[in-house]
Amino acid sequence: MAKKLYVGGLSYDTSEDTLKKTFAEVGTVETAVVINDRDTGRSKGFGFVEMSTEEEAKKAIETLNGKELDGRTIIVNEARPQEQKPRSGGYDRGGRF
């Protein structure tokens, strides 16, 4: 079963292709995504990589956590489930809901 990893400390110049190639040196990469700001399109400095097995994910953490990628020291650990945030309703300029 695939295992999702959090990758933090990324350079703003790190691409999804670079992320995938880096993790592919350790095992089979299912997906590699760099998270971008929706307003600016610029990288937020973190991403997620999904490795094909639990063993490859553990190896990726052991091998790549604390290593340098594109001039930055990266953090690699197991991704936590995304928190569900309550959806807020819109409001008009007068502050009324």
PDB file of N, CA and C in Angstrom:
ATOM      1  N   MET A   1       0.841  -1.189   0.000  1.00  0.00           N
ATOM      2  CA  MET A   1       0.000   0.000   0.000  1.00  0.00           C
ATOM      3  C   MET A   1       0.880   1.245   0.000  1.00  0.00           C
ATOM      4  N   ALA A   2       0.491   2.256  -0.753  1.00  0.00           N
ATOM      5  CA  ALA A   2       1.273   3.487  -0.872  1.00  0.00           C
ATOM      6  C   ALA A   2       1.287   4.249   0.453  1.00  0.00           C
ATOM      7  N   LYS A   3       2.390   4.943   0.684  1.00  0.00           N
ATOM      8  CA  LYS A   3       2.566   5.701   1.918  1.00  0.00           C
ATOM      9  C   LYS A   3       2.922   7.135   1.569  1.00  0.00           C
ATOM     10  N   LYS A   4       2.184   8.095   2.110  1.00  0.00           N
ATOM     11  CA  LYS A   4       2.380   9.506   1.801  1.00  0.00           C
ATOM     12  C   LYS A   4       3.353  10.140   2.785  1.00  0.00           C
ATOM     13  N   LEU A   5       4.309  10.902   2.243  1.00  0.00           N
ATOM     14  CA  LEU A   5       5.318  11.587   3.050  1.00  0.00           C
ATOM     15  C   LEU A   5       5.196  13.093   2.882  1.00  0.00           C
ATOM     16  N   TYR A   6       5.456  13.804   3.971  1.00  0.00           N
ATOM     17  CA  TYR A   6       5.539  15.265   3.948  1.00  0.00           C
ATOM     18  C   TYR A   6       6.993  15.636   3.697  1.00  0.00           C
ATOM     19  N   VAL A   7       7.219  16.613   2.820  1.00  0.00           N
ATOM     20  CA  VAL A   7       8.570  17.085   2.542  1.00  0.00           C
ATOM     21  C   VAL A   7       8.570  18.606   2.754  1.00  0.00           C
ATOM     22  N   GLY A   8       9.275  19.058   3.786  1.00  0.00           N
ATOM     23  CA  GLY A   8       9.316  20.477   4.115  1.00  0.00           C
ATOM     24  C   GLY A   8      10.691  21.060   3.877  1.00  0.00           C
ATOM     25  N   GLY A   9      10.758  22.381   3.906  1.00  0.00           N
ATOM     26  CA  GLY A   9      12.024  23.088   3.735  1.00  0.00           C
ATOM     27  C   GLY A   9      12.476  23.159   2.291  1.00  0.00           C
ATOM     28  N   LEU A  10      11.550  22.973   1.354  1.00  0.00           N
ATOM     29  CA  LEU A  10      11.917  22.998  -0.058  1.00  0.00           C
ATOM     30  C   LEU A  10      12.280  24.406  -0.519  1.00  0.00           C
ATOM     31  N   SER A  11      13.211  24.470  -1.436  1.00  0.00           N
ATOM     32  CA  SER A  11      13.526  25.727  -2.096  1.00  0.00           C
ATOM     33  C   SER A  11      12.315  26.125  -2.925  1.00  0.00           C
ATOM     34  N   TYR A  12      12.102  27.426  -3.096  1.00  0.00           N
ATOM     35  CA  TYR A  12      11.000  27.881  -3.932  1.00  0.00           C
ATOM     36  C   TYR A  12      11.215  27.486  -5.390  1.00  0.00           C
ATOM     37  N   ASP A  13      12.439  27.089  -5.732  1.00  0.00           N
ATOM     38  CA  ASP A  13      12.766  26.687  -7.099  1.00  0.00           C
ATOM     39  C   ASP A  13      12.629  25.183  -7.339  1.00  0.00           C
ATOM     40  N   THR A  14      12.372  24.399  -6.302  1.00  0.00           N
ATOM     41  CA  THR A  14      12.265  22.954  -6.464  1.00  0.00           C
ATOM     42  C   THR A  14      10.986  22.605  -7.217  1.00  0.00           C
ATOM     43  N   SER A  15      11.140  21.829  -8.284  1.00  0.00           N
ATOM     44  CA  SER A  15       9.987  21.429  -9.102  1.00  0.00           C
ATOM     45  C   SER A  15       9.490  20.051  -8.669  1.00  0.00           C
ATOM     46  N   GLU A  16       8.300  19.705  -9.129  1.00  0.00           N
ATOM     47  CA  GLU A  16       7.759  18.379  -8.850  1.00  0.00           C
ATOM     48  C   GLU A  16       8.631  17.308  -9.491  1.00  0.00           C
ATOM     49  N   ASP A  17       9.195  17.617 -10.663  1.00  0.00           N
ATOM     50  CA  ASP A  17      10.066  16.659 -11.346  1.00  0.00           C
ATOM     51  C   ASP A  17      11.330  16.389 -10.522  1.00  0.00           C
ATOM     52  N   THR A  18      11.934  17.441  -9.973  1.00  0.00           N
ATOM     53  CA  THR A  18      13.126  17.289  -9.128  1.00  0.00           C
ATOM     54  C   THR A  18      12.793  16.471  -7.884  1.00  0.00           C
ATOM     55  N   LEU A  19      11.649  16.754  -7.280  1.00  0.00           N
ATOM     56  CA  LEU A  19      11.219  16.027  -6.086  1.00  0.00           C
ATOM     57  C   LEU A  19      11.043  14.546  -6.414  1.00  0.00           C
ATOM     58  N   LYS A  20      10.396  14.265  -7.525  1.00  0.00           N
ATOM     59  CA  LYS A  20      10.158  12.870  -7.928  1.00  0.00           C
ATOM     60  C   LYS A  20      11.471  12.150  -8.205  1.00  0.00           C
ATOM     61  N   LYS A  21      12.394  12.800  -8.925  1.00  0.00           N
ATOM     62  CA  LYS A  21      13.683  12.177  -9.240  1.00  0.00           C
ATOM     63  C   LYS A  21      14.492  11.893  -7.979  1.00  0.00           C
ATOM     64  N   THR A  22      14.452  12.815  -7.032  1.00  0.00           N
ATOM     65  CA  THR A  22      15.203  12.650  -5.782  1.00  0.00           C
ATOM     66  C   THR A  22      14.692  11.442  -5.005  1.00  0.00           C
ATOM     67  N   PHE A  23      13.385  11.321  -4.873  1.00  0.00           N
ATOM     68  CA  PHE A  23      12.814  10.215  -4.110  1.00  0.00           C
ATOM     69  C   PHE A  23      12.873   8.902  -4.882  1.00  0.00           C
ATOM     70  N   ALA A  24      12.915   8.964  -6.206  1.00  0.00           N
ATOM     71  CA  ALA A  24      13.011   7.755  -7.023  1.00  0.00           C
ATOM     72  C   ALA A  24      14.346   7.040  -6.819  1.00  0.00           C
ATOM     73  N   GLU A  25      15.356   7.762  -6.325  1.00  0.00           N
ATOM     74  CA  GLU A  25      16.649   7.144  -6.029  1.00  0.00           C
ATOM     75  C   GLU A  25      16.532   6.164  -4.857  1.00  0.00           C
ATOM     76  N   VAL A  26      15.469   6.310  -4.053  1.00  0.00           N
ATOM     77  CA  VAL A  26      15.262   5.479  -2.874  1.00  0.00           C
ATOM     78  C   VAL A  26      14.235   4.374  -3.131  1.00  0.00           C
ATOM     79  N   GLY A  27      13.272   4.627  -4.023  1.00  0.00           N
ATOM     80  CA  GLY A  27      12.227   3.645  -4.273  1.00  0.00           C
ATOM     81  C   GLY A  27      11.264   4.131  -5.340  1.00  0.00           C
ATOM     82  N   THR A  28      10.154   3.436  -5.466  1.00  0.00           N
ATOM     83  CA  THR A  28       9.151   3.760  -6.481  1.00  0.00           C
ATOM     84  C   THR A  28       8.249   4.882  -5.993  1.00  0.00           C
ATOM     85  N   VAL A  29       8.206   5.972  -6.756  1.00  0.00           N
ATOM     86  CA  VAL A  29       7.391   7.132  -6.413  1.00  0.00           C
ATOM     87  C   VAL A  29       6.068   7.036  -7.167  1.00  0.00           C
ATOM     88  N   GLU A  30       4.977   7.058  -6.420  1.00  0.00           N
ATOM     89  CA  GLU A  30       3.645   7.058  -7.030  1.00  0.00           C
ATOM     90  C   GLU A  30       3.280   8.476  -7.481  1.00  0.00           C
ATOM     91  N   THR A  31       3.441   9.452  -6.585  1.00  0.00           N
ATOM     92  CA  THR A  31       3.151  10.852  -6.907  1.00  0.00           C
ATOM     93  C   THR A  31       4.141  11.754  -6.179  1.00  0.00           C
ATOM     94  N   ALA A  32       4.370  12.925  -6.748  1.00  0.00           N
ATOM     95  CA  ALA A  32       5.191  13.957  -6.105  1.00  0.00           C
ATOM     96  C   ALA A  32       4.538  15.297  -6.426  1.00  0.00           C
ATOM     97  N   VAL A  33       4.197  16.048  -5.376  1.00  0.00           N
ATOM     98  CA  VAL A  33       3.490  17.309  -5.554  1.00  0.00           C
ATOM     99  C   VAL A  33       4.152  18.393  -4.712  1.00  0.00           C
ATOM    100  N   VAL A  34       4.439  19.539  -5.337  1.00  0.00           N
ATOM    101  CA  VAL A  34       4.899  20.721  -4.611  1.00  0.00           C
ATOM    102  C   VAL A  34       3.671  21.606  -4.433  1.00  0.00           C
ATOM    103  N   ILE A  35       3.414  22.038  -3.208  1.00  0.00           N
ATOM    104  CA  ILE A  35       2.234  22.852  -2.921  1.00  0.00           C
ATOM    105  C   ILE A  35       2.536  24.315  -3.256  1.00  0.00           C
ATOM    106  N   ASN A  36       1.647  24.898  -4.050  1.00  0.00           N
ATOM    107  CA  ASN A  36       1.802  26.290  -4.476  1.00  0.00           C
ATOM    108  C   ASN A  36       0.708  27.162  -3.866  1.00  0.00           C
ATOM    109  N   ASP A  37       1.035  28.428  -3.638  1.00  0.00           N
ATOM    110  CA  ASP A  37       0.071  29.404  -3.166  1.00  0.00           C
ATOM    111  C   ASP A  37      -0.945  29.641  -4.281  1.00  0.00           C
ATOM    112  N   ARG A  38      -2.219  29.580  -3.970  1.00  0.00           N
ATOM    113  CA  ARG A  38      -3.224  29.700  -5.033  1.00  0.00           C
ATOM    114  C   ARG A  38      -3.304  31.107  -5.609  1.00  0.00           C
ATOM    115  N   ASP A  39      -2.917  32.113  -4.834  1.00  0.00           N
ATOM    116  CA  ASP A  39      -2.984  33.487  -5.333  1.00  0.00           C
ATOM    117  C   ASP A  39      -1.772  33.863  -6.181  1.00  0.00           C
ATOM    118  N   THR A  40      -0.581  33.458  -5.742  1.00  0.00           N
ATOM    119  CA  THR A  40       0.640  33.868  -6.452  1.00  0.00           C
ATOM    120  C   THR A  40       1.191  32.783  -7.372  1.00  0.00           C
ATOM    121  N   GLY A  41       0.812  31.524  -7.122  1.00  0.00           N
ATOM    122  CA  GLY A  41       1.343  30.417  -7.905  1.00  0.00           C
ATOM    123  C   GLY A  41       2.746  30.011  -7.478  1.00  0.00           C
ATOM    124  N   ARG A  42       3.299  30.699  -6.497  1.00  0.00           N
ATOM    125  CA  ARG A  42       4.652  30.421  -5.997  1.00  0.00           C
ATOM    126  C   ARG A  42       4.614  29.274  -4.985  1.00  0.00           C
ATOM    127  N   SER A  43       5.668  28.493  -4.970  1.00  0.00           N
ATOM    128  CA  SER A  43       5.773  27.377  -4.038  1.00  0.00           C
ATOM    129  C   SER A  43       5.654  27.861  -2.603  1.00  0.00           C
ATOM    130  N   LYS A  44       4.997  27.060  -1.777  1.00  0.00           N
ATOM    131  CA  LYS A  44       4.902  27.369  -0.349  1.00  0.00           C
ATOM    132  C   LYS A  44       6.071  26.764   0.429  1.00  0.00           C
ATOM    133  N   GLY A  45       6.968  26.042  -0.258  1.00  0.00           N
ATOM    134  CA  GLY A  45       8.152  25.495   0.391  1.00  0.00           C
ATOM    135  C   GLY A  45       7.951  24.112   0.980  1.00  0.00           C
ATOM    136  N   PHE A  46       6.855  23.460   0.613  1.00  0.00           N
ATOM    137  CA  PHE A  46       6.660  22.087   1.061  1.00  0.00           C
ATOM    138  C   PHE A  46       5.879  21.316   0.010  1.00  0.00           C
ATOM    139  N   GLY A  47       5.872  20.004   0.178  1.00  0.00           N
ATOM    140  CA  GLY A  47       5.152  19.155  -0.761  1.00  0.00           C
ATOM    141  C   GLY A  47       4.910  17.787  -0.174  1.00  0.00           C
ATOM    142  N   PHE A  48       4.407  16.892  -1.019  1.00  0.00           N
ATOM    143  CA  PHE A  48       4.105  15.538  -0.593  1.00  0.00           C
ATOM    144  C   PHE A  48       4.591  14.563  -1.649  1.00  0.00           C
ATOM    145  N   VAL A  49       5.119  13.440  -1.170  1.00  0.00           N
ATOM    146  CA  VAL A  49       5.559  12.367  -2.056  1.00  0.00           C
ATOM    147  C   VAL A  49       4.889  11.094  -1.570  1.00  0.00           C
ATOM    148  N   GLU A  50       4.342  10.339  -2.505  1.00  0.00           N
ATOM    149  CA  GLU A  50       3.720   9.075  -2.158  1.00  0.00           C
ATOM    150  C   GLU A  50       4.607   7.957  -2.689  1.00  0.00           C
ATOM    151  N   MET A  51       5.138   7.162  -1.770  1.00  0.00           N
ATOM    152  CA  MET A  51       5.979   6.022  -2.116  1.00  0.00           C
ATOM    153  C   MET A  51       5.095   4.790  -2.234  1.00  0.00           C
ATOM    154  N   SER A  52       5.518   3.813  -3.040  1.00  0.00           N
ATOM    155  CA  SER A  52       4.649   2.669  -3.328  1.00  0.00           C
ATOM    156  C   SER A  52       4.478   1.699  -2.160  1.00  0.00           C
ATOM    157  N   THR A  53       5.462   1.633  -1.262  1.00  0.00           N
ATOM    158  CA  THR A  53       5.329   0.719  -0.117  1.00  0.00           C
ATOM    159  C   THR A  53       5.760   1.402   1.176  1.00  0.00           C
ATOM    160  N   GLU A  54       5.335   0.824   2.256  1.00  0.00           N
ATOM    161  CA  GLU A  54       5.707   1.310   3.594  1.00  0.00           C
ATOM    162  C   GLU A  54       7.229   1.231   3.785  1.00  0.00           C
ATOM    163  N   GLU A  55       7.843   0.158   3.301  1.00  0.00           N
ATOM    164  CA  GLU A  55       9.291  -0.018   3.442  1.00  0.00           C
ATOM    165  C   GLU A  55      10.052   1.070   2.691  1.00  0.00           C
ATOM    166  N   GLU A  56       9.609   1.385   1.474  1.00  0.00           N
ATOM    167  CA  GLU A  56      10.275   2.439   0.700  1.00  0.00           C
ATOM    168  C   GLU A  56      10.087   3.802   1.356  1.00  0.00           C
ATOM    169  N   ALA A  57       8.928   4.018   1.956  1.00  0.00           N
ATOM    170  CA  ALA A  57       8.671   5.275   2.653  1.00  0.00           C
ATOM    171  C   ALA A  57       9.620   5.425   3.848  1.00  0.00           C
ATOM    172  N   LYS A  58       9.788   4.347   4.614  1.00  0.00           N
ATOM    173  CA  LYS A  58      10.709   4.375   5.760  1.00  0.00           C
ATOM    174  C   LYS A  58      12.141   4.628   5.291  1.00  0.00           C
ATOM    175  N   LYS A  59      12.523   3.981   4.194  1.00  0.00           N
ATOM    176  CA  LYS A  59      13.867   4.169   3.651  1.00  0.00           C
ATOM    177  C   LYS A  59      14.059   5.623   3.194  1.00  0.00           C
ATOM    178  N   ALA A  60      13.036   6.207   2.589  1.00  0.00           N
ATOM    179  CA  ALA A  60      13.111   7.598   2.128  1.00  0.00           C
ATOM    180  C   ALA A  60      13.293   8.548   3.310  1.00  0.00           C
ATOM    181  N   ILE A  61      12.563   8.295   4.388  1.00  0.00           N
ATOM    182  CA  ILE A  61      12.703   9.132   5.587  1.00  0.00           C
ATOM    183  C   ILE A  61      14.120   9.019   6.137  1.00  0.00           C
ATOM    184  N   GLU A  62      14.608   7.788   6.291  1.00  0.00           N
ATOM    185  CA  GLU A  62      15.948   7.568   6.837  1.00  0.00           C
ATOM    186  C   GLU A  62      17.039   8.158   5.948  1.00  0.00           C
ATOM    187  N   THR A  63      16.872   8.049   4.634  1.00  0.00           N
ATOM    188  CA  THR A  63      17.900   8.472   3.690  1.00  0.00           C
ATOM    189  C   THR A  63      17.881   9.974   3.406  1.00  0.00           C
ATOM    190  N   LEU A  64      16.694  10.553   3.277  1.00  0.00           N
ATOM    191  CA  LEU A  64      16.595  11.925   2.769  1.00  0.00           C
ATOM    192  C   LEU A  64      16.313  12.992   3.824  1.00  0.00           C
ATOM    193  N   ASN A  65      15.801  12.620   4.983  1.00  0.00           N
ATOM    194  CA  ASN A  65      15.545  13.615   6.020  1.00  0.00           C
ATOM    195  C   ASN A  65      16.858  14.273   6.450  1.00  0.00           C
ATOM    196  N   GLY A  66      16.909  15.589   6.385  1.00  0.00           N
ATOM    197  CA  GLY A  66      18.120  16.321   6.764  1.00  0.00           C
ATOM    198  C   GLY A  66      19.122  16.497   5.639  1.00  0.00           C
ATOM    199  N   LYS A  67      18.816  15.968   4.464  1.00  0.00           N
ATOM    200  CA  LYS A  67      19.721  16.098   3.313  1.00  0.00           C
ATOM    201  C   LYS A  67      19.459  17.410   2.583  1.00  0.00           C
ATOM    202  N   GLU A  68      20.398  17.794   1.743  1.00  0.00           N
ATOM    203  CA  GLU A  68      20.265  19.030   0.979  1.00  0.00           C
ATOM    204  C   GLU A  68      19.645  18.756  -0.385  1.00  0.00           C
ATOM    205  N   LEU A  69      18.700  19.620  -0.770  1.00  0.00           N
ATOM    206  CA  LEU A  69      18.070  19.560  -2.081  1.00  0.00           C
ATOM    207  C   LEU A  69      17.908  20.993  -2.573  1.00  0.00           C
ATOM    208  N   ASP A  70      18.483  21.297  -3.704  1.00  0.00           N
ATOM    209  CA  ASP A  70      18.432  22.650  -4.287  1.00  0.00           C
ATOM    210  C   ASP A  70      18.884  23.724  -3.291  1.00  0.00           C
ATOM    211  N   GLY A  71      19.936  23.395  -2.526  1.00  0.00           N
ATOM    212  CA  GLY A  71      20.517  24.382  -1.612  1.00  0.00           C
ATOM    213  C   GLY A  71      19.810  24.520  -0.277  1.00  0.00           C
ATOM    214  N   ARG A  72      18.810  23.696  -0.005  1.00  0.00           N
ATOM    215  CA  ARG A  72      18.075  23.765   1.260  1.00  0.00           C
ATOM    216  C   ARG A  72      18.084  22.399   1.937  1.00  0.00           C
ATOM    217  N   THR A  73      18.107  22.399   3.260  1.00  0.00           N
ATOM    218  CA  THR A  73      18.011  21.157   4.024  1.00  0.00           C
ATOM    219  C   THR A  73      16.535  20.800   4.151  1.00  0.00           C
ATOM    220  N   ILE A  74      16.182  19.613   3.676  1.00  0.00           N
ATOM    221  CA  ILE A  74      14.777  19.223   3.677  1.00  0.00           C
ATOM    222  C   ILE A  74      14.416  18.371   4.883  1.00  0.00           C
ATOM    223  N   ILE A  75      13.142  18.391   5.208  1.00  0.00           N
ATOM    224  CA  ILE A  75      12.572  17.596   6.287  1.00  0.00           C
ATOM    225  C   ILE A  75      11.649  16.583   5.629  1.00  0.00           C
ATOM    226  N   VAL A  76      11.820  15.322   5.970  1.00  0.00           N
ATOM    227  CA  VAL A  76      10.970  14.270   5.405  1.00  0.00           C
ATOM    228  C   VAL A  76      10.403  13.460   6.558  1.00  0.00           C
ATOM    229  N   ASN A  77       9.085  13.387   6.631  1.00  0.00           N
ATOM    230  CA  ASN A  77       8.450  12.527   7.620  1.00  0.00           C
ATOM    231  C   ASN A  77       7.085  12.067   7.117  1.00  0.00           C
ATOM    232  N   GLU A  78       6.472  11.196   7.873  1.00  0.00           N
ATOM    233  CA  GLU A  78       5.174  10.658   7.487  1.00  0.00           C
ATOM    234  C   GLU A  78       4.137  11.779   7.496  1.00  0.00           C
ATOM    235  N   ALA A  79       3.349  11.844   6.432  1.00  0.00           N
ATOM    236  CA  ALA A  79       2.310  12.873   6.345  1.00  0.00           C
ATOM    237  C   ALA A  79       1.178  12.540   7.309  1.00  0.00           C
ATOM    238  N   ARG A  80       0.653  13.570   7.952  1.00  0.00           N
ATOM    239  CA  ARG A  80      -0.511  13.402   8.823  1.00  0.00           C
ATOM    240  C   ARG A  80      -1.767  13.641   7.994  1.00  0.00           C
ATOM    241  N   PRO A  81      -2.878  13.052   8.399  1.00  0.00           N
ATOM    242  CA  PRO A  81      -4.129  13.305   7.666  1.00  0.00           C
ATOM    243  C   PRO A  81      -4.478  14.793   7.728  1.00  0.00           C
ATOM    244  N   GLN A  82      -5.045  15.278   6.628  1.00  0.00           N
ATOM    245  CA  GLN A  82      -5.418  16.686   6.562  1.00  0.00           C
ATOM    246  C   GLN A  82      -6.567  16.959   7.518  1.00  0.00           C
ATOM    247  N   GLU A  83      -6.440  18.066   8.278  1.00  0.00           N
ATOM    248  CA  GLU A  83      -7.507  18.446   9.199  1.00  0.00           C
ATOM    249  C   GLU A  83      -8.669  19.018   8.414  1.00  0.00           C
ATOM    250  N   GLN A  84      -9.860  18.665   8.830  1.00  0.00           N
ATOM    251  CA  GLN A  84     -11.052  19.221   8.197  1.00  0.00           C
ATOM    252  C   GLN A  84     -11.363  20.562   8.845  1.00  0.00           C
ATOM    253  N   LYS A  85     -11.293  21.607   8.055  1.00  0.00           N
ATOM    254  CA  LYS A  85     -11.590  22.947   8.568  1.00  0.00           C
ATOM    255  C   LYS A  85     -13.051  23.264   8.284  1.00  0.00           C
ATOM    256  N   PRO A  86     -13.723  23.887   9.250  1.00  0.00           N
ATOM    257  CA  PRO A  86     -15.119  24.238   8.984  1.00  0.00           C
ATOM    258  C   PRO A  86     -15.192  25.282   7.878  1.00  0.00           C
ATOM    259  N   ARG A  87     -16.152  25.097   7.000  1.00  0.00           N
ATOM    260  CA  ARG A  87     -16.343  26.053   5.911  1.00  0.00           C
ATOM    261  C   ARG A  87     -17.029  27.278   6.489  1.00  0.00           C
ATOM    262  N   SER A  88     -16.464  28.442   6.236  1.00  0.00           N
ATOM    263  CA  SER A  88     -17.086  29.659   6.709  1.00  0.00           C
ATOM    264  C   SER A  88     -17.944  30.248   5.600  1.00  0.00           C
ATOM    265  N   GLY A  89     -19.018  30.826   5.984  1.00  0.00           N
ATOM    266  CA  GLY A  89     -19.891  31.469   5.003  1.00  0.00           C
ATOM    267  C   GLY A  89     -19.313  32.799   4.585  1.00  0.00           C
ATOM    268  N   GLY A  90     -19.778  33.317   3.504  1.00  0.00           N
ATOM    269  CA  GLY A  90     -19.310  34.610   3.033  1.00  0.00           C
ATOM    270  C   GLY A  90     -19.956  35.735   3.830  1.00  0.00           C
ATOM    271  N   TYR A  91     -19.453  36.909   3.656  1.00  0.00           N
ATOM    272  CA  TYR A  91     -20.065  38.073   4.313  1.00  0.00           C
ATOM    273  C   TYR A  91     -19.933  39.253   3.373  1.00  0.00           C
ATOM    274  N   ASP A  92     -20.832  40.215   3.566  1.00  0.00           N
ATOM    275  CA  ASP A  92     -20.748  41.393   2.714  1.00  0.00           C
ATOM    276  C   ASP A  92     -19.895  42.442   3.398  1.00  0.00           C
ATOM    277  N   ARG A  93     -19.668  43.547   2.751  1.00  0.00           N
ATOM    278  CA  ARG A  93     -18.787  44.585   3.288  1.00  0.00           C
ATOM    279  C   ARG A  93     -19.262  45.149   4.627  1.00  0.00           C
ATOM    280  N   GLY A  94     -20.519  45.008   4.923  1.00  0.00           N
ATOM    281  CA  GLY A  94     -21.049  45.512   6.188  1.00  0.00           C
ATOM    282  C   GLY A  94     -20.821  44.544   7.330  1.00  0.00           C
ATOM    283  N   GLY A  95     -20.219  43.398   7.052  1.00  0.00           N
ATOM    284  CA  GLY A  95     -19.954  42.425   8.108  1.00  0.00           C
ATOM    285  C   GLY A  95     -21.129  41.546   8.445  1.00  0.00           C
ATOM    286  N   ARG A  96     -22.199  41.640   7.648  1.00  0.00           N
ATOM    287  CA  ARG A  96     -23.388  40.813   7.908  1.00  0.00           C
ATOM    288  C   ARG A  96     -23.232  39.480   7.201  1.00  0.00           C
ATOM    289  N   PHE A  97     -23.780  38.443   7.808  1.00  0.00           N
ATOM    290  CA  PHE A  97     -23.717  37.105   7.214  1.00  0.00           C
ATOM    291  C   PHE A  97     -24.970  36.804   6.444  1.00  0.00           C
TER     292      PHE A  97
END
